[in-house]
Amino acid sequence: MADTLLRRPEVEARTGLSRSTLYVWMKRGEFPQPVRLGARLVAWRESDVTAWLESREIRVA
């Protein structure tokens, strides 16, 4: 099954992060890397973004 690809505006909306924060966190290895679709076109796998969001949830016992 193919994973849905999300463009940056959708990733920003889902995560609440700004464009600059996304790129800083990617550089530091704190956010999933995008998939390159062209010379200036990238997208993120929905499963990677979902897994990242789930890993950041605060779990209350």
N, C-alpha and C. Protein backbone atom coordinates (compact mmCIF):
# COMPACT_ATOMS: atom_id res chain seq x y z
N MET A 1 0.84 -1.18 0.00
CA MET A 1 0.00 0.00 0.00
C MET A 1 0.89 1.24 0.00
N ALA A 2 0.63 2.15 -0.89
CA ALA A 2 1.42 3.37 -1.01
C ALA A 2 1.08 4.33 0.13
N ASP A 3 2.12 4.97 0.64
CA ASP A 3 1.94 5.95 1.72
C ASP A 3 1.55 7.29 1.10
N THR A 4 0.62 7.98 1.72
CA THR A 4 0.22 9.30 1.26
C THR A 4 1.37 10.28 1.51
N LEU A 5 1.59 11.16 0.57
CA LEU A 5 2.63 12.17 0.71
C LEU A 5 1.98 13.51 1.06
N LEU A 6 2.57 14.19 2.03
CA LEU A 6 2.06 15.46 2.49
C LEU A 6 3.01 16.58 2.09
N ARG A 7 2.46 17.64 1.54
CA ARG A 7 3.27 18.82 1.21
C ARG A 7 3.45 19.67 2.46
N ARG A 8 4.40 20.58 2.42
CA ARG A 8 4.77 21.36 3.60
C ARG A 8 3.60 22.07 4.29
N PRO A 9 2.70 22.75 3.56
CA PRO A 9 1.60 23.42 4.27
C PRO A 9 0.74 22.46 5.11
N GLU A 10 0.55 21.25 4.60
CA GLU A 10 -0.23 20.27 5.35
C GLU A 10 0.55 19.75 6.56
N VAL A 11 1.85 19.58 6.40
CA VAL A 11 2.69 19.16 7.53
C VAL A 11 2.67 20.25 8.61
N GLU A 12 2.77 21.50 8.19
CA GLU A 12 2.71 22.61 9.15
C GLU A 12 1.37 22.61 9.89
N ALA A 13 0.28 22.39 9.17
CA ALA A 13 -1.05 22.38 9.79
C ALA A 13 -1.20 21.22 10.78
N ARG A 14 -0.70 20.06 10.42
CA ARG A 14 -0.83 18.89 11.30
C ARG A 14 0.05 18.96 12.53
N THR A 15 1.23 19.57 12.39
CA THR A 15 2.18 19.59 13.50
C THR A 15 2.12 20.87 14.32
N GLY A 16 1.61 21.94 13.71
CA GLY A 16 1.61 23.24 14.38
C GLY A 16 2.97 23.91 14.34
N LEU A 17 3.90 23.37 13.54
CA LEU A 17 5.24 23.92 13.44
C LEU A 17 5.34 24.88 12.25
N SER A 18 6.19 25.89 12.38
CA SER A 18 6.44 26.80 11.27
C SER A 18 7.42 26.17 10.29
N ARG A 19 7.51 26.75 9.12
CA ARG A 19 8.45 26.24 8.11
C ARG A 19 9.88 26.27 8.64
N SER A 20 10.26 27.37 9.27
CA SER A 20 11.64 27.47 9.75
C SER A 20 11.93 26.44 10.84
N THR A 21 10.97 26.20 11.73
CA THR A 21 11.16 25.19 12.78
C THR A 21 11.28 23.81 12.17
N LEU A 22 10.46 23.49 11.17
CA LEU A 22 10.56 22.18 10.49
C LEU A 22 11.99 21.96 9.98
N TYR A 23 12.53 22.94 9.29
CA TYR A 23 13.84 22.77 8.67
C TYR A 23 14.96 22.73 9.70
N VAL A 24 14.85 23.52 10.78
CA VAL A 24 15.86 23.45 11.85
C VAL A 24 15.82 22.08 12.50
N TRP A 25 14.61 21.60 12.82
CA TRP A 25 14.49 20.29 13.49
C TRP A 25 14.93 19.15 12.57
N MET A 26 14.68 19.26 11.26
CA MET A 26 15.16 18.23 10.33
C MET A 26 16.68 18.21 10.33
N LYS A 27 17.29 19.39 10.33
CA LYS A 27 18.75 19.47 10.32
C LYS A 27 19.34 18.85 11.57
N ARG A 28 18.65 18.99 12.71
CA ARG A 28 19.11 18.42 13.98
C ARG A 28 18.69 16.96 14.16
N GLY A 29 17.96 16.42 13.20
CA GLY A 29 17.51 15.03 13.29
C GLY A 29 16.31 14.84 14.20
N GLU A 30 15.58 15.91 14.47
CA GLU A 30 14.43 15.85 15.38
C GLU A 30 13.09 15.79 14.66
N PHE A 31 13.12 15.77 13.33
CA PHE A 31 11.90 15.67 12.53
C PHE A 31 12.22 14.83 11.30
N PRO A 32 11.24 14.04 10.82
CA PRO A 32 11.50 13.17 9.66
C PRO A 32 11.97 13.95 8.42
N GLN A 33 12.83 13.32 7.67
CA GLN A 33 13.31 13.91 6.42
C GLN A 33 12.24 13.75 5.33
N PRO A 34 12.14 14.71 4.44
CA PRO A 34 11.17 14.60 3.35
C PRO A 34 11.69 13.71 2.23
N VAL A 35 10.78 13.38 1.33
CA VAL A 35 11.10 12.63 0.12
C VAL A 35 11.24 13.65 -0.99
N ARG A 36 12.35 13.60 -1.72
CA ARG A 36 12.54 14.55 -2.82
C ARG A 36 11.76 14.07 -4.04
N LEU A 37 10.90 14.95 -4.56
CA LEU A 37 10.07 14.61 -5.71
C LEU A 37 10.56 15.30 -6.98
N GLY A 38 11.43 16.27 -6.83
CA GLY A 38 11.96 17.02 -7.95
C GLY A 38 13.07 17.92 -7.46
N ALA A 39 13.57 18.77 -8.32
CA ALA A 39 14.68 19.65 -7.95
C ALA A 39 14.31 20.56 -6.77
N ARG A 40 13.07 21.05 -6.75
CA ARG A 40 12.64 21.95 -5.68
C ARG A 40 11.32 21.50 -5.07
N LEU A 41 11.06 20.22 -5.12
CA LEU A 41 9.77 19.70 -4.66
C LEU A 41 10.00 18.56 -3.68
N VAL A 42 9.50 18.72 -2.46
CA VAL A 42 9.61 17.67 -1.45
C VAL A 42 8.25 17.43 -0.81
N ALA A 43 8.11 16.27 -0.19
CA ALA A 43 6.90 15.93 0.56
C ALA A 43 7.31 14.95 1.65
N TRP A 44 6.48 14.85 2.66
CA TRP A 44 6.74 13.95 3.77
C TRP A 44 5.77 12.79 3.70
N ARG A 45 6.25 11.60 4.08
CA ARG A 45 5.36 10.44 4.18
C ARG A 45 4.43 10.67 5.36
N GLU A 46 3.14 10.47 5.12
CA GLU A 46 2.16 10.65 6.17
C GLU A 46 2.47 9.76 7.38
N SER A 47 2.93 8.53 7.12
CA SER A 47 3.24 7.60 8.21
C SER A 47 4.39 8.13 9.07
N ASP A 48 5.39 8.79 8.45
CA ASP A 48 6.50 9.36 9.21
C ASP A 48 6.03 10.49 10.11
N VAL A 49 5.17 11.36 9.57
CA VAL A 49 4.66 12.50 10.35
C VAL A 49 3.77 11.99 11.48
N THR A 50 2.92 11.01 11.19
CA THR A 50 2.03 10.45 12.22
C THR A 50 2.85 9.80 13.33
N ALA A 51 3.86 9.03 12.96
CA ALA A 51 4.71 8.38 13.96
C ALA A 51 5.44 9.42 14.81
N TRP A 52 5.91 10.49 14.18
CA TRP A 52 6.59 11.55 14.93
C TRP A 52 5.62 12.19 15.92
N LEU A 53 4.40 12.49 15.46
CA LEU A 53 3.40 13.09 16.35
C LEU A 53 3.09 12.17 17.53
N GLU A 54 2.92 10.88 17.25
CA GLU A 54 2.61 9.92 18.31
C GLU A 54 3.76 9.80 19.30
N SER A 55 4.98 9.93 18.82
CA SER A 55 6.14 9.82 19.71
C SER A 55 6.26 11.03 20.64
N ARG A 56 5.62 12.12 20.28
CA ARG A 56 5.70 13.35 21.07
C ARG A 56 4.52 13.51 22.03
N GLU A 57 3.54 12.64 21.92
CA GLU A 57 2.38 12.74 22.82
C GLU A 57 2.80 12.49 24.26
N ILE A 58 2.24 13.26 25.14
CA ILE A 58 2.48 13.06 26.57
C ILE A 58 1.53 11.98 27.04
N ARG A 59 2.10 10.93 27.60
CA ARG A 59 1.28 9.83 28.06
C ARG A 59 1.11 9.95 29.58
N VAL A 60 -0.14 9.99 29.99
CA VAL A 60 -0.46 10.09 31.42
C VAL A 60 -0.88 8.71 31.90
N ALA A 61 -0.25 8.24 32.98
CA ALA A 61 -0.52 6.91 33.49
C ALA A 61 -1.88 6.84 34.16
